[in-house]
């Protein structure tokens, strides 16, 4: 047994069977997946007259992270707690070990409709490292999201270098990927259906 491990648990008030109730060792990961599970349930059925979710923000209230939707309170929160865990040598795999095995996370681009580019991909540099990049997930010609004084956009990893591309921790990369997904949705809505919402990259053929 292992004492004193801190984990983060999303919860939906008065809904103990909510699908977002899992244990996470990273707060940013817990918030990301809790927010997505909230959207999936609260906005499961939308008509053309319904409004989708507003800006989803986490607010710290008396030690608990509370999710707000367009400034309105929601029943979703994330709280920290200590748990006793069993190591993998005892026949059970704990959350930290699962995260060590993961090589990528996919963050959906919201509300872009059929035919649009559907996700932003958070990729690990190499197995065993904690260096991550926010990418377009391409097999060849991989692009990474870069931000500078000149602006923010996709650039080829081969142009910026792996060290510059894979510079985030997992939590940082997931938070950035969520923001990029929202930007991509806005780009897509401003383009014709079926066009790549990433847009052209300077120098691309």
Protein backbone atom coordinates (compact mmCIF):
# COMPACT_ATOMS: atom_id res chain seq x y z
CA UNK A 1 0.00 0.00 0.00
CA UNK A 2 1.01 3.61 -0.60
CA UNK A 3 -0.24 6.42 1.67
CA UNK A 4 -0.66 10.12 0.98
CA UNK A 5 -1.16 10.27 -2.79
CA UNK A 6 -3.16 13.33 -3.85
CA UNK A 7 -5.64 12.85 -6.69
CA UNK A 8 -8.29 15.05 -8.27
CA UNK A 9 -11.87 13.83 -8.64
CA UNK A 10 -14.51 15.54 -10.80
CA UNK A 11 -18.06 15.31 -9.47
CA UNK A 12 -21.55 16.27 -10.61
CA UNK A 13 -23.66 17.37 -7.66
CA UNK A 14 -26.36 14.82 -6.77
CA UNK A 15 -25.32 12.61 -9.72
CA UNK A 16 -22.92 9.93 -8.38
CA UNK A 17 -23.13 7.84 -11.57
CA UNK A 18 -21.99 10.70 -13.85
CA UNK A 19 -19.55 9.47 -16.46
CA UNK A 20 -16.98 12.17 -15.64
CA UNK A 21 -16.25 10.79 -12.18
CA UNK A 22 -12.71 9.44 -12.46
CA UNK A 23 -9.50 9.93 -10.50
CA UNK A 24 -6.66 12.00 -11.98
CA UNK A 25 -3.21 12.87 -10.66
CA UNK A 26 -3.01 16.06 -12.75
CA UNK A 27 -5.48 18.88 -12.03
CA UNK A 28 -5.38 20.20 -15.61
CA UNK A 29 -6.18 16.74 -16.99
CA UNK A 30 -9.07 16.36 -14.54
CA UNK A 31 -10.49 19.74 -15.51
CA UNK A 32 -10.16 19.06 -19.23
CA UNK A 33 -11.98 15.75 -19.18
CA UNK A 34 -14.57 16.92 -16.63
CA UNK A 35 -15.47 19.90 -18.81
CA UNK A 36 -15.80 17.68 -21.88
CA UNK A 37 -17.97 15.18 -19.97
CA UNK A 38 -20.15 18.07 -18.78
CA UNK A 39 -20.65 19.31 -22.36
CA UNK A 40 -21.38 15.79 -23.61
CA UNK A 41 -24.14 15.36 -21.02
CA UNK A 42 -25.57 18.86 -20.67
CA UNK A 43 -25.67 19.49 -24.43
CA UNK A 44 -26.27 15.95 -25.65
CA UNK A 45 -29.21 16.99 -27.85
CA UNK A 46 -29.15 20.38 -29.55
CA UNK A 47 -31.51 21.72 -32.19
CA UNK A 48 -30.73 24.56 -34.56
CA UNK A 49 -32.48 26.91 -32.12
CA UNK A 50 -30.52 25.82 -29.03
CA UNK A 51 -27.42 27.56 -27.80
CA UNK A 52 -24.35 25.47 -27.12
CA UNK A 53 -22.07 25.90 -24.12
CA UNK A 54 -20.67 29.30 -23.24
CA UNK A 55 -17.11 29.95 -22.14
CA UNK A 56 -16.14 27.21 -19.71
CA UNK A 57 -14.00 28.48 -16.84
CA UNK A 58 -12.83 26.95 -13.56
CA UNK A 59 -13.16 29.08 -10.41
CA UNK A 60 -11.55 28.19 -7.08
CA UNK A 61 -14.20 28.37 -4.34
CA UNK A 62 -13.25 27.38 -0.78
CA UNK A 63 -10.72 24.80 -1.93
CA UNK A 64 -12.90 23.32 -4.67
CA UNK A 65 -12.61 24.03 -8.39
CA UNK A 66 -16.10 24.90 -9.71
CA UNK A 67 -16.95 24.84 -13.43
CA UNK A 68 -18.83 27.85 -14.83
CA UNK A 69 -20.61 27.91 -18.19
CA UNK A 70 -20.83 31.36 -19.72
CA UNK A 71 -20.56 32.89 -16.25
CA UNK A 72 -23.26 30.63 -14.82
CA UNK A 73 -22.61 28.05 -12.11
CA UNK A 74 -22.79 24.37 -13.10
CA UNK A 75 -23.13 21.28 -10.88
CA UNK A 76 -19.61 20.14 -11.87
CA UNK A 77 -16.60 20.55 -9.60
CA UNK A 78 -13.13 19.07 -9.09
CA UNK A 79 -11.83 18.37 -5.60
CA UNK A 80 -8.53 17.03 -4.34
CA UNK A 81 -8.30 14.17 -1.88
CA UNK A 82 -5.76 11.72 -0.54
CA UNK A 83 -6.05 8.07 -1.41
CA UNK A 84 -4.27 4.83 -0.67
CA UNK A 85 -3.15 3.04 -3.82
CA UNK A 86 -1.79 -0.34 -4.83
CA UNK A 87 1.26 -0.40 -7.08
CA UNK A 88 1.30 -2.26 -10.37
CA UNK A 89 3.47 -4.99 -8.80
CA UNK A 90 0.44 -5.84 -6.68
CA UNK A 91 -1.74 -6.39 -9.73
CA UNK A 92 -3.26 -2.93 -10.12
CA UNK A 93 -2.16 0.01 -12.28
CA UNK A 94 -2.47 3.46 -10.75
CA UNK A 95 -3.22 6.65 -12.64
CA UNK A 96 0.37 7.94 -12.74
CA UNK A 97 1.58 4.73 -14.37
CA UNK A 98 -1.19 4.89 -16.96
CA UNK A 99 -0.18 8.46 -17.84
CA UNK A 100 3.43 7.35 -18.22
CA UNK A 101 2.31 4.90 -20.92
CA UNK A 102 0.22 7.43 -22.85
CA UNK A 103 1.82 8.89 -25.98
CA UNK A 104 -0.91 11.29 -27.07
CA UNK A 105 -4.20 12.90 -26.09
CA UNK A 106 -6.82 14.11 -28.58
CA UNK A 107 -8.79 17.28 -27.85
CA UNK A 108 -11.89 17.66 -30.09
CA UNK A 109 -12.48 20.87 -32.01
CA UNK A 110 -16.03 21.84 -30.94
CA UNK A 111 -18.99 22.60 -33.19
CA UNK A 112 -17.31 22.40 -36.60
CA UNK A 113 -19.77 19.99 -38.19
CA UNK A 114 -19.27 17.08 -40.54
CA UNK A 115 -16.26 17.34 -42.84
CA UNK A 116 -14.15 19.61 -40.67
CA UNK A 117 -10.75 18.90 -39.17
CA UNK A 118 -11.85 17.36 -35.90
CA UNK A 119 -9.14 17.47 -33.23
CA UNK A 120 -5.96 18.93 -31.81
CA UNK A 121 -3.41 16.34 -30.72
CA UNK A 122 -1.14 16.58 -27.68
CA UNK A 123 1.89 14.37 -28.36
CA UNK A 124 4.73 13.18 -26.14
CA UNK A 125 8.23 13.73 -27.51
CA UNK A 126 9.55 10.26 -26.70
CA UNK A 127 8.59 7.45 -24.35
CA UNK A 128 9.64 8.18 -20.77
CA UNK A 129 9.95 11.95 -21.22
CA UNK A 130 7.64 14.68 -19.92
CA UNK A 131 7.99 16.92 -22.97
CA UNK A 132 4.80 17.47 -24.98
CA UNK A 133 3.74 19.43 -28.06
CA UNK A 134 0.38 20.64 -29.33
CA UNK A 135 0.17 19.31 -32.90
CA UNK A 136 -2.16 18.66 -35.82
CA UNK A 137 -1.53 14.92 -35.52
CA UNK A 138 -0.23 14.47 -39.07
CA UNK A 139 1.81 11.35 -39.85
CA UNK A 140 4.11 13.32 -42.16
CA UNK A 141 4.61 17.07 -42.27
CA UNK A 142 3.70 17.35 -38.57
CA UNK A 143 2.78 20.85 -37.45
CA UNK A 144 3.01 22.31 -33.97
CA UNK A 145 1.18 25.30 -32.53
CA UNK A 146 3.58 28.16 -31.89
CA UNK A 147 3.06 31.55 -30.30
CA UNK A 148 5.35 34.56 -30.57
CA UNK A 149 5.24 38.34 -30.72
CA UNK A 150 4.48 37.99 -34.44
CA UNK A 151 1.34 35.95 -33.75
CA UNK A 152 0.15 32.38 -33.23
CA UNK A 153 -0.29 29.66 -35.84
CA UNK A 154 0.77 26.19 -36.99
CA UNK A 155 4.38 25.66 -38.08
CA UNK A 156 6.18 22.55 -39.23
CA UNK A 157 8.13 20.78 -36.49
CA UNK A 158 10.99 20.43 -38.98
CA UNK A 159 11.13 24.24 -39.24
CA UNK A 160 11.02 25.13 -35.53
CA UNK A 161 12.92 22.09 -34.20
CA UNK A 162 11.78 19.40 -31.78
CA UNK A 163 13.10 21.18 -28.71
CA UNK A 164 10.97 24.24 -29.44
CA UNK A 165 7.93 22.14 -30.37
CA UNK A 166 8.04 19.69 -27.46
CA UNK A 167 8.52 22.21 -24.67
CA UNK A 168 5.39 21.82 -22.53
CA UNK A 169 4.49 19.69 -19.53
CA UNK A 170 1.38 17.57 -20.03
CA UNK A 171 -0.80 19.96 -18.05
CA UNK A 172 0.45 22.99 -20.00
CA UNK A 173 -0.04 21.21 -23.33
CA UNK A 174 -3.60 20.13 -22.50
CA UNK A 175 -4.62 23.64 -21.45
CA UNK A 176 -3.08 25.08 -24.63
CA UNK A 177 -4.71 22.39 -26.79
CA UNK A 178 -8.15 23.26 -25.41
CA UNK A 179 -7.58 26.93 -26.26
CA UNK A 180 -6.28 26.06 -29.74
CA UNK A 181 -9.32 23.83 -30.36
CA UNK A 182 -11.59 26.78 -29.62
CA UNK A 183 -9.55 28.99 -31.97
CA UNK A 184 -9.77 26.35 -34.69
CA UNK A 185 -13.54 26.17 -34.31
CA UNK A 186 -13.74 29.95 -34.77
CA UNK A 187 -11.50 29.72 -37.86
CA UNK A 188 -13.62 26.95 -39.32
CA UNK A 189 -16.84 28.90 -38.87
CA UNK A 190 -15.28 31.70 -40.90
CA UNK A 191 -14.33 29.42 -43.80
CA UNK A 192 -16.16 27.31 -46.34
CA UNK A 193 -17.33 23.88 -45.25
CA UNK A 194 -14.67 21.24 -45.95
CA UNK A 195 -11.71 23.64 -45.87
CA UNK A 196 -8.89 22.88 -43.45
CA UNK A 197 -9.45 25.23 -40.48
CA UNK A 198 -5.71 25.31 -39.79
CA UNK A 199 -5.27 27.47 -42.87
CA UNK A 200 -2.13 27.71 -44.98
CA UNK A 201 1.31 27.70 -43.46
CA UNK A 202 3.89 30.06 -44.92
CA UNK A 203 6.19 28.15 -47.24
CA UNK A 204 3.81 25.22 -47.70
CA UNK A 205 3.63 23.91 -51.23
